C-alpha atoms as a PDB file:
ATOM      1  CA  MET A   1      20.685 -13.422  11.115  1.00  0.00           C
ATOM      2  CA  SER A   2      23.570 -10.342  11.147  1.00  0.00           C
ATOM      3  CA  TYR A   3      25.679 -11.100  14.314  1.00  0.00           C
ATOM      4  CA  LYS A   4      27.247  -7.858  14.168  1.00  0.00           C
ATOM      5  CA  TYR A   5      23.792  -5.987  14.144  1.00  0.00           C
ATOM      6  CA  LEU A   6      23.199  -8.232  17.498  1.00  0.00           C
ATOM      7  CA  ASP A   7      26.337  -7.506  19.056  1.00  0.00           C
ATOM      8  CA  MET A   8      25.793  -3.899  18.653  1.00  0.00           C
ATOM      9  CA  ALA A   9      22.320  -3.815  19.860  1.00  0.00           C
ATOM     10  CA  THR A  10      23.503  -5.968  22.909  1.00  0.00           C
ATOM     11  CA  THR A  11      24.253  -3.555  25.546  1.00  0.00           C
ATOM     12  CA  PRO A  12      25.072  -4.256  29.401  1.00  0.00           C
ATOM     13  CA  SER A  13      21.229  -3.739  30.087  1.00  0.00           C
ATOM     14  CA  VAL A  14      19.886  -5.820  26.918  1.00  0.00           C
ATOM     15  CA  ALA A  15      22.420  -8.603  28.098  1.00  0.00           C
ATOM     16  CA  ALA A  16      20.798  -8.392  31.656  1.00  0.00           C
ATOM     17  CA  ALA A  17      17.076  -8.567  30.102  1.00  0.00           C
ATOM     18  CA  GLN A  18      18.310 -11.572  28.248  1.00  0.00           C
ATOM     19  CA  ALA A  19      19.868 -13.520  31.517  1.00  0.00           C
ATOM     20  CA  HIS A  20      16.677 -12.417  33.499  1.00  0.00           C
ATOM     21  CA  TYR A  21      14.273 -13.931  30.747  1.00  0.00           C
ATOM     22  CA  GLY A  22      16.335 -17.170  29.919  1.00  0.00           C
ATOM     23  CA  SER A  23      17.865 -16.808  26.666  1.00  0.00           C
ATOM     24  CA  ALA A  24      21.612 -15.178  27.375  1.00  0.00           C
ATOM     25  CA  ALA A  25      23.131 -18.375  26.366  1.00  0.00           C
ATOM     26  CA  GLN A  26      21.375 -18.509  23.158  1.00  0.00           C
ATOM     27  CA  TRP A  27      22.268 -14.925  22.464  1.00  0.00           C
ATOM     28  CA  ALA A  28      25.871 -15.365  23.690  1.00  0.00           C
ATOM     29  CA  ARG A  29      26.700 -17.879  21.007  1.00  0.00           C
ATOM     30  CA  ALA A  30      25.341 -15.948  18.287  1.00  0.00           C
ATOM     31  CA  ARG A  31      27.543 -13.218  19.194  1.00  0.00           C
ATOM     32  CA  GLY A  32      30.215 -15.270  19.465  1.00  0.00           C
ATOM     33  CA  ARG A  33      30.429 -15.522  15.687  1.00  0.00           C
ATOM     34  CA  VAL A  34      30.928 -11.783  15.112  1.00  0.00           C
ATOM     35  CA  GLU A  35      34.096 -11.109  13.350  1.00  0.00           C
ATOM     36  CA  ASP A  36      34.050  -7.155  14.113  1.00  0.00           C
ATOM     37  CA  THR A  37      36.884  -5.476  11.638  1.00  0.00           C
ATOM     38  CA  GLY A  38      35.901  -2.422  12.903  1.00  0.00           C
ATOM     39  CA  GLN A  39      34.446  -1.751   9.362  1.00  0.00           C
ATOM     40  CA  SER A  40      30.895  -0.869   8.488  1.00  0.00           C
ATOM     41  CA  GLN A  41      29.001  -4.172   7.193  1.00  0.00           C
ATOM     42  CA  ARG A  42      28.738  -4.251   3.423  1.00  0.00           C
ATOM     43  CA  LEU A  43      25.546  -4.467   1.686  1.00  0.00           C
ATOM     44  CA  GLY A  44      24.876  -7.455  -0.607  1.00  0.00           C
ATOM     45  CA  PRO A  45      23.125  -7.970  -3.585  1.00  0.00           C
ATOM     46  CA  PRO A  46      19.895  -8.742  -1.547  1.00  0.00           C
ATOM     47  CA  GLU A  47      20.015  -5.486   0.368  1.00  0.00           C
ATOM     48  CA  LEU A  48      20.560  -3.473  -2.317  1.00  0.00           C
ATOM     49  CA  ASP A  49      17.837  -4.705  -4.566  1.00  0.00           C
ATOM     50  CA  PHE A  50      15.461  -4.289  -1.461  1.00  0.00           C
ATOM     51  CA  ILE A  51      16.387  -0.944  -0.726  1.00  0.00           C
ATOM     52  CA  ALA A  52      16.037   0.228  -4.169  1.00  0.00           C
ATOM     53  CA  ALA A  53      12.657  -1.146  -4.244  1.00  0.00           C
ATOM     54  CA  ARG A  54      11.365   0.762  -1.496  1.00  0.00           C
ATOM     55  CA  ASP A  55       9.304   3.803  -1.684  1.00  0.00           C
ATOM     56  CA  GLY A  56       9.487   4.445   2.113  1.00  0.00           C
ATOM     57  CA  PHE A  57      11.289   3.787   5.509  1.00  0.00           C
ATOM     58  CA  TYR A  58      11.319   4.505   9.279  1.00  0.00           C
ATOM     59  CA  LEU A  59      14.204   6.704  10.571  1.00  0.00           C
ATOM     60  CA  ALA A  60      14.703   6.957  14.204  1.00  0.00           C
ATOM     61  CA  SER A  61      17.176   9.491  15.681  1.00  0.00           C
ATOM     62  CA  VAL A  62      18.222  10.426  19.288  1.00  0.00           C
ATOM     63  CA  SER A  63      17.849  14.070  20.816  1.00  0.00           C
ATOM     64  CA  GLU A  64      20.497  15.630  23.234  1.00  0.00           C
ATOM     65  CA  THR A  65      17.967  14.811  25.964  1.00  0.00           C
ATOM     66  CA  GLY A  66      17.674  11.202  25.382  1.00  0.00           C
ATOM     67  CA  TRP A  67      14.454  11.040  23.689  1.00  0.00           C
ATOM     68  CA  PRO A  68      14.202   8.929  20.652  1.00  0.00           C
ATOM     69  CA  TYR A  69      12.533  10.436  17.433  1.00  0.00           C
ATOM     70  CA  VAL A  70      11.006   8.187  14.487  1.00  0.00           C
ATOM     71  CA  GLN A  71       9.956  10.063  11.199  1.00  0.00           C
ATOM     72  CA  TYR A  72       8.846   8.197   7.942  1.00  0.00           C
ATOM     73  CA  ARG A  73      10.299   9.460   4.726  1.00  0.00           C
ATOM     74  CA  GLY A  74       8.565   8.606   1.427  1.00  0.00           C
ATOM     75  CA  GLY A  75       9.196   9.222  -2.223  1.00  0.00           C
ATOM     76  CA  PRO A  76       9.061   7.246  -5.185  1.00  0.00           C
ATOM     77  CA  ALA A  77      10.760   3.709  -5.426  1.00  0.00           C
ATOM     78  CA  GLY A  78      14.654   4.126  -5.339  1.00  0.00           C
ATOM     79  CA  PHE A  79      15.071   7.654  -3.908  1.00  0.00           C
ATOM     80  CA  LEU A  80      16.830   6.183  -0.942  1.00  0.00           C
ATOM     81  CA  ALA A  81      19.926   5.281  -3.027  1.00  0.00           C
ATOM     82  CA  ALA A  82      23.084   3.156  -2.820  1.00  0.00           C
ATOM     83  CA  ILE A  83      26.187   5.155  -2.997  1.00  0.00           C
ATOM     84  CA  ASP A  84      28.140   2.093  -2.761  1.00  0.00           C
ATOM     85  CA  ASP A  85      28.076  -1.140  -0.681  1.00  0.00           C
ATOM     86  CA  THR A  86      28.612   0.934   2.731  1.00  0.00           C
ATOM     87  CA  ARG A  87      26.773   4.291   2.110  1.00  0.00           C
ATOM     88  CA  LEU A  88      22.953   5.361   1.437  1.00  0.00           C
ATOM     89  CA  GLY A  89      21.879   8.748   0.299  1.00  0.00           C
ATOM     90  CA  PHE A  90      18.590  10.805   0.042  1.00  0.00           C
ATOM     91  CA  ALA A  91      18.025  14.217  -1.247  1.00  0.00           C
ATOM     92  CA  ASP A  92      16.327  15.963   1.897  1.00  0.00           C
ATOM     93  CA  PHE A  93      13.434  18.174   0.421  1.00  0.00           C
ATOM     94  CA  ARG A  94      11.958  21.581   2.458  1.00  0.00           C
ATOM     95  CA  GLY A  95       9.006  20.204   4.420  1.00  0.00           C
ATOM     96  CA  ASN A  96       7.639  21.435   8.000  1.00  0.00           C
ATOM     97  CA  ARG A  97      10.958  22.790   9.041  1.00  0.00           C
ATOM     98  CA  GLN A  98      11.098  21.286  12.444  1.00  0.00           C
ATOM     99  CA  TYR A  99      14.206  20.019  11.743  1.00  0.00           C
ATOM    100  CA  ILE A 100      13.986  17.562  14.393  1.00  0.00           C
ATOM    101  CA  THR A 101      16.604  14.467  12.722  1.00  0.00           C
ATOM    102  CA  THR A 102      18.941  17.119  11.009  1.00  0.00           C
ATOM    103  CA  GLY A 103      19.330  18.444  15.054  1.00  0.00           C
ATOM    104  CA  ASN A 104      19.531  15.408  16.602  1.00  0.00           C
ATOM    105  CA  VAL A 105      22.307  13.811  14.182  1.00  0.00           C
ATOM    106  CA  GLN A 106      24.541  17.221  14.788  1.00  0.00           C
ATOM    107  CA  ALA A 107      25.000  15.888  18.119  1.00  0.00           C
ATOM    108  CA  ASN A 108      24.164  12.086  17.720  1.00  0.00           C
ATOM    109  CA  ASP A 109      25.044  10.971  14.086  1.00  0.00           C
ATOM    110  CA  ARG A 110      23.927   7.377  14.917  1.00  0.00           C
ATOM    111  CA  VAL A 111      20.471   6.338  13.404  1.00  0.00           C
ATOM    112  CA  SER A 112      18.446   3.535  12.804  1.00  0.00           C
ATOM    113  CA  LEU A 113      16.513   2.667   9.509  1.00  0.00           C
ATOM    114  CA  PHE A 114      13.575   0.323   9.025  1.00  0.00           C
ATOM    115  CA  LEU A 115      12.740  -0.737   5.476  1.00  0.00           C
ATOM    116  CA  MET A 116       9.336  -2.526   5.136  1.00  0.00           C
ATOM    117  CA  ASP A 117       8.245  -4.462   2.589  1.00  0.00           C
ATOM    118  CA  TYR A 118       4.341  -5.313   3.813  1.00  0.00           C
ATOM    119  CA  ALA A 119       3.358  -6.912   0.767  1.00  0.00           C
ATOM    120  CA  HIS A 120       5.982  -9.828   0.880  1.00  0.00           C
ATOM    121  CA  ARG A 121       6.630  -9.773   4.717  1.00  0.00           C
ATOM    122  CA  GLN A 122       9.802  -8.705   4.915  1.00  0.00           C
ATOM    123  CA  ARG A 123      12.077  -5.905   6.884  1.00  0.00           C
ATOM    124  CA  LEU A 124      15.343  -4.888   6.934  1.00  0.00           C
ATOM    125  CA  LYS A 125      16.888  -3.131   9.756  1.00  0.00           C
ATOM    126  CA  ILE A 126      20.036  -1.017   9.629  1.00  0.00           C
ATOM    127  CA  PHE A 127      22.335   0.581  12.206  1.00  0.00           C
ATOM    128  CA  GLY A 128      24.410   3.836  10.603  1.00  0.00           C
ATOM    129  CA  ARG A 129      25.787   7.258  10.937  1.00  0.00           C
ATOM    130  CA  MET A 130      24.351  10.053   9.414  1.00  0.00           C
ATOM    131  CA  ARG A 131      25.882  13.095   7.669  1.00  0.00           C
ATOM    132  CA  ILE A 132      23.788  16.150   6.383  1.00  0.00           C
ATOM    133  CA  ILE A 133      25.287  18.414   3.406  1.00  0.00           C
ATOM    134  CA  ASP A 134      24.039  21.528   2.050  1.00  0.00           C
ATOM    135  CA  ALA A 135      22.986  20.664  -1.557  1.00  0.00           C
ATOM    136  CA  ALA A 136      24.560  23.914  -2.832  1.00  0.00           C
ATOM    137  CA  ASP A 137      28.167  22.196  -1.486  1.00  0.00           C
ATOM    138  CA  ASP A 138      28.270  18.986  -3.623  1.00  0.00           C
ATOM    139  CA  PRO A 139      26.097  19.849  -6.886  1.00  0.00           C
ATOM    140  CA  ALA A 140      27.622  16.474  -8.448  1.00  0.00           C
ATOM    141  CA  LEU A 141      25.979  14.520  -5.231  1.00  0.00           C
ATOM    142  CA  ALA A 142      22.911  16.466  -5.419  1.00  0.00           C
ATOM    143  CA  GLU A 143      22.185  15.795  -9.044  1.00  0.00           C
ATOM    144  CA  ARG A 144      22.737  11.920  -8.400  1.00  0.00           C
ATOM    145  CA  LEU A 145      19.970  12.122  -5.656  1.00  0.00           C
ATOM    146  CA  ALA A 146      17.625  14.101  -7.239  1.00  0.00           C
ATOM    147  CA  VAL A 147      14.414  12.850  -7.636  1.00  0.00           C
ATOM    148  CA  PRO A 148      13.036  13.027 -11.328  1.00  0.00           C
ATOM    149  CA  GLY A 149      10.109  14.966 -11.645  1.00  0.00           C
ATOM    150  CA  TYR A 150       9.475  15.734  -8.115  1.00  0.00           C
ATOM    151  CA  PRO A 151       8.504  19.354  -7.686  1.00  0.00           C
ATOM    152  CA  GLY A 152      10.015  20.059  -4.012  1.00  0.00           C
ATOM    153  CA  ARG A 153      13.401  22.300  -3.431  1.00  0.00           C
ATOM    154  CA  VAL A 154      16.325  20.171  -2.363  1.00  0.00           C
ATOM    155  CA  GLU A 155      17.946  21.736   0.635  1.00  0.00           C
ATOM    156  CA  ARG A 156      20.226  19.157   1.992  1.00  0.00           C
ATOM    157  CA  LEU A 157      21.710  15.757   1.008  1.00  0.00           C
ATOM    158  CA  VAL A 158      21.921  13.047   3.503  1.00  0.00           C
ATOM    159  CA  LEU A 159      24.577  10.318   4.028  1.00  0.00           C
ATOM    160  CA  ILE A 160      24.586   7.101   5.871  1.00  0.00           C
ATOM    161  CA  THR A 161      27.310   5.221   6.401  1.00  0.00           C
ATOM    162  CA  VAL A 162      25.653   1.781   7.234  1.00  0.00           C
ATOM    163  CA  GLU A 163      27.421   0.146  10.516  1.00  0.00           C
ATOM    164  CA  ALA A 164      25.334  -2.941  10.363  1.00  0.00           C
ATOM    165  CA  PHE A 165      22.033  -4.522   9.374  1.00  0.00           C
ATOM    166  CA  ASP A 166      19.886  -7.097   9.731  1.00  0.00           C
ATOM    167  CA  TRP A 167      16.996  -8.949   8.512  1.00  0.00           C
ATOM    168  CA  ASN A 168      14.160  -9.254  10.448  1.00  0.00           C
ATOM    169  CA  CYS A 169      11.462 -12.443  11.224  1.00  0.00           C
ATOM    170  CA  PRO A 170       8.389 -11.938   9.205  1.00  0.00           C
ATOM    171  CA  GLN A 171       6.230 -12.948  12.014  1.00  0.00           C
ATOM    172  CA  HIS A 172       3.227 -10.555  12.948  1.00  0.00           C
ATOM    173  CA  ILE A 173       3.821  -8.449   9.460  1.00  0.00           C
ATOM    174  CA  THR A 174       0.446  -8.140   8.122  1.00  0.00           C
ATOM    175  CA  PRO A 175       0.550  -7.828   4.600  1.00  0.00           C
ATOM    176  CA  ARG A 176      -0.626  -4.332   2.794  1.00  0.00           C
ATOM    177  CA  PHE A 177      -0.202  -3.500  -0.692  1.00  0.00           C
ATOM    178  CA  THR A 178       0.181  -0.067  -2.662  1.00  0.00           C
ATOM    179  CA  GLN A 179      -1.820   1.001  -5.395  1.00  0.00           C
ATOM    180  CA  ALA A 180       0.975  -0.152  -7.711  1.00  0.00           C
ATOM    181  CA  GLU A 181       1.250  -3.384  -6.218  1.00  0.00           C
ATOM    182  CA  LEU A 182      -2.586  -3.894  -6.506  1.00  0.00           C
ATOM    183  CA  ASP A 183      -2.793  -2.804 -10.360  1.00  0.00           C
ATOM    184  CA  VAL A 184      -0.194  -5.399 -10.968  1.00  0.00           C
ATOM    185  CA  VAL A 185      -2.170  -8.087  -8.951  1.00  0.00           C
ATOM    186  CA  LEU A 186      -5.457  -6.774 -10.311  1.00  0.00           C
ATOM    187  CA  ALA A 187      -4.872  -6.153 -13.686  1.00  0.00           C
ATOM    188  CA  PRO A 188      -5.682  -9.783 -15.271  1.00  0.00           C
ATOM    189  CA  VAL A 189      -8.863  -9.498 -13.093  1.00  0.00           C
ATOM    190  CA  ARG A 190      -9.339  -6.226 -14.625  1.00  0.00           C
ATOM    191  CA  GLU A 191      -9.120  -7.471 -18.029  1.00  0.00           C
ATOM    192  CA  GLU A 192     -11.270 -10.710 -17.704  1.00  0.00           C
ATOM    193  CA  ILE A 193     -14.181  -8.482 -16.483  1.00  0.00           C
ATOM    194  CA  ALA A 194     -13.537  -5.896 -19.494  1.00  0.00           C
ATOM    195  CA  ALA A 195     -13.571  -8.978 -21.651  1.00  0.00           C
ATOM    196  CA  LEU A 196     -17.090 -10.152 -20.159  1.00  0.00           C
ATOM    197  CA  ARG A 197     -18.600  -6.964 -20.430  1.00  0.00           C
ATOM    198  CA  ARG A 198     -17.473  -6.988 -24.087  1.00  0.00           C
ATOM    199  CA  GLU A 199     -18.905 -10.369 -24.576  1.00  0.00           C
ATOM    200  CA  ASN A 200     -22.071  -9.412 -23.189  1.00  0.00           C
ATOM    201  CA  GLU A 201     -22.380  -6.410 -25.138  1.00  0.00           C
ATOM    202  CA  ARG A 202     -22.006  -8.451 -28.182  1.00  0.00           C
ATOM    203  CA  LEU A 203     -24.722 -11.039 -26.809  1.00  0.00           C
ATOM    204  CA  ARG A 204     -26.943  -8.338 -26.219  1.00  0.00           C
ATOM    205  CA  ASN A 205     -26.635  -6.613 -29.532  1.00  0.00           C
ATOM    206  CA  GLN A 206     -27.020  -9.931 -31.093  1.00  0.00           C
ATOM    207  CA  LEU A 207     -30.281 -10.766 -29.336  1.00  0.00           C
ATOM    208  CA  GLN A 208     -31.654  -7.168 -30.076  1.00  0.00           C
ATOM    209  CA  ALA A 209     -30.526  -8.029 -33.730  1.00  0.00           C
ATOM    210  CA  ASP A 210     -32.261 -11.437 -33.972  1.00  0.00           C
ATOM    211  CA  ALA A 211     -35.451  -9.865 -32.187  1.00  0.00           C
ATOM    212  CA  GLN A 212     -35.628  -7.365 -34.887  1.00  0.00           C
ATOM    213  CA  ARG A 213     -35.594  -9.806 -37.825  1.00  0.00           C
ATOM    214  CA  ARG A 214     -38.380 -11.704 -36.057  1.00  0.00           C
ATOM    215  CA  GLY A 215     -40.394  -8.581 -34.926  1.00  0.00           C
ATOM    216  CA  ASP A 216     -40.132  -9.315 -31.386  1.00  0.00           C
ATOM    217  CA  ASP A 217     -39.797  -6.991 -28.440  1.00  0.00           C
ATOM    218  CA  PRO A 218     -36.339  -8.366 -26.471  1.00  0.00           C
ATOM    219  CA  GLU A 219     -37.420  -6.809 -23.501  1.00  0.00           C
ATOM    220  CA  SER A 220     -40.545  -8.374 -23.276  1.00  0.00           C
ATOM    221  CA  PRO A 221     -41.417 -11.474 -21.572  1.00  0.00           C
ATOM    222  CA  ALA A 222     -42.058 -14.399 -23.609  1.00  0.00           C
END
């Protein structure tokens, strides 16, 4: 449990809900362990490895009128890259040109990320502050965040300073698998099926050869 994340998430109305439903004392003890130095929370090796393996995540921002907006960002594993242990970044390609998240963070830079690993029933939640840079303004960073082989045009670079993160409970996460994950799991099964087919073909050919030597028809009943 990340107590800084919990502390940031516990607004007065959240605290009132906890009191109403009887969990205030439990979470008050947890929040009491927070050591808030005012600095961003640093990502450790487990978080960095998890982020590097993701091929997508959910990104939430809030509009000037108070409406939340959630979008899914996807790409090759590792497209969301760690600049260091407090900052993440990714290249923003030309899409449907609605620019809802881009516009939202101009007024309110606070965002929330959900990173999911359905196969292993894990999820990482991140609070952060987002900054958007035109790709032409920082060619070195654009090159660092570029996705090799991706044909899209990089318009912007997105930087997220991590304020807090938390690993969430796996309960109710239904295991789901990507094609790549299934390929790894099914590779031995496919090889076994291929071996059985080869053996079946060998036995069929042997049966036909034996029948020809005897002058029999292997397809006719005995």
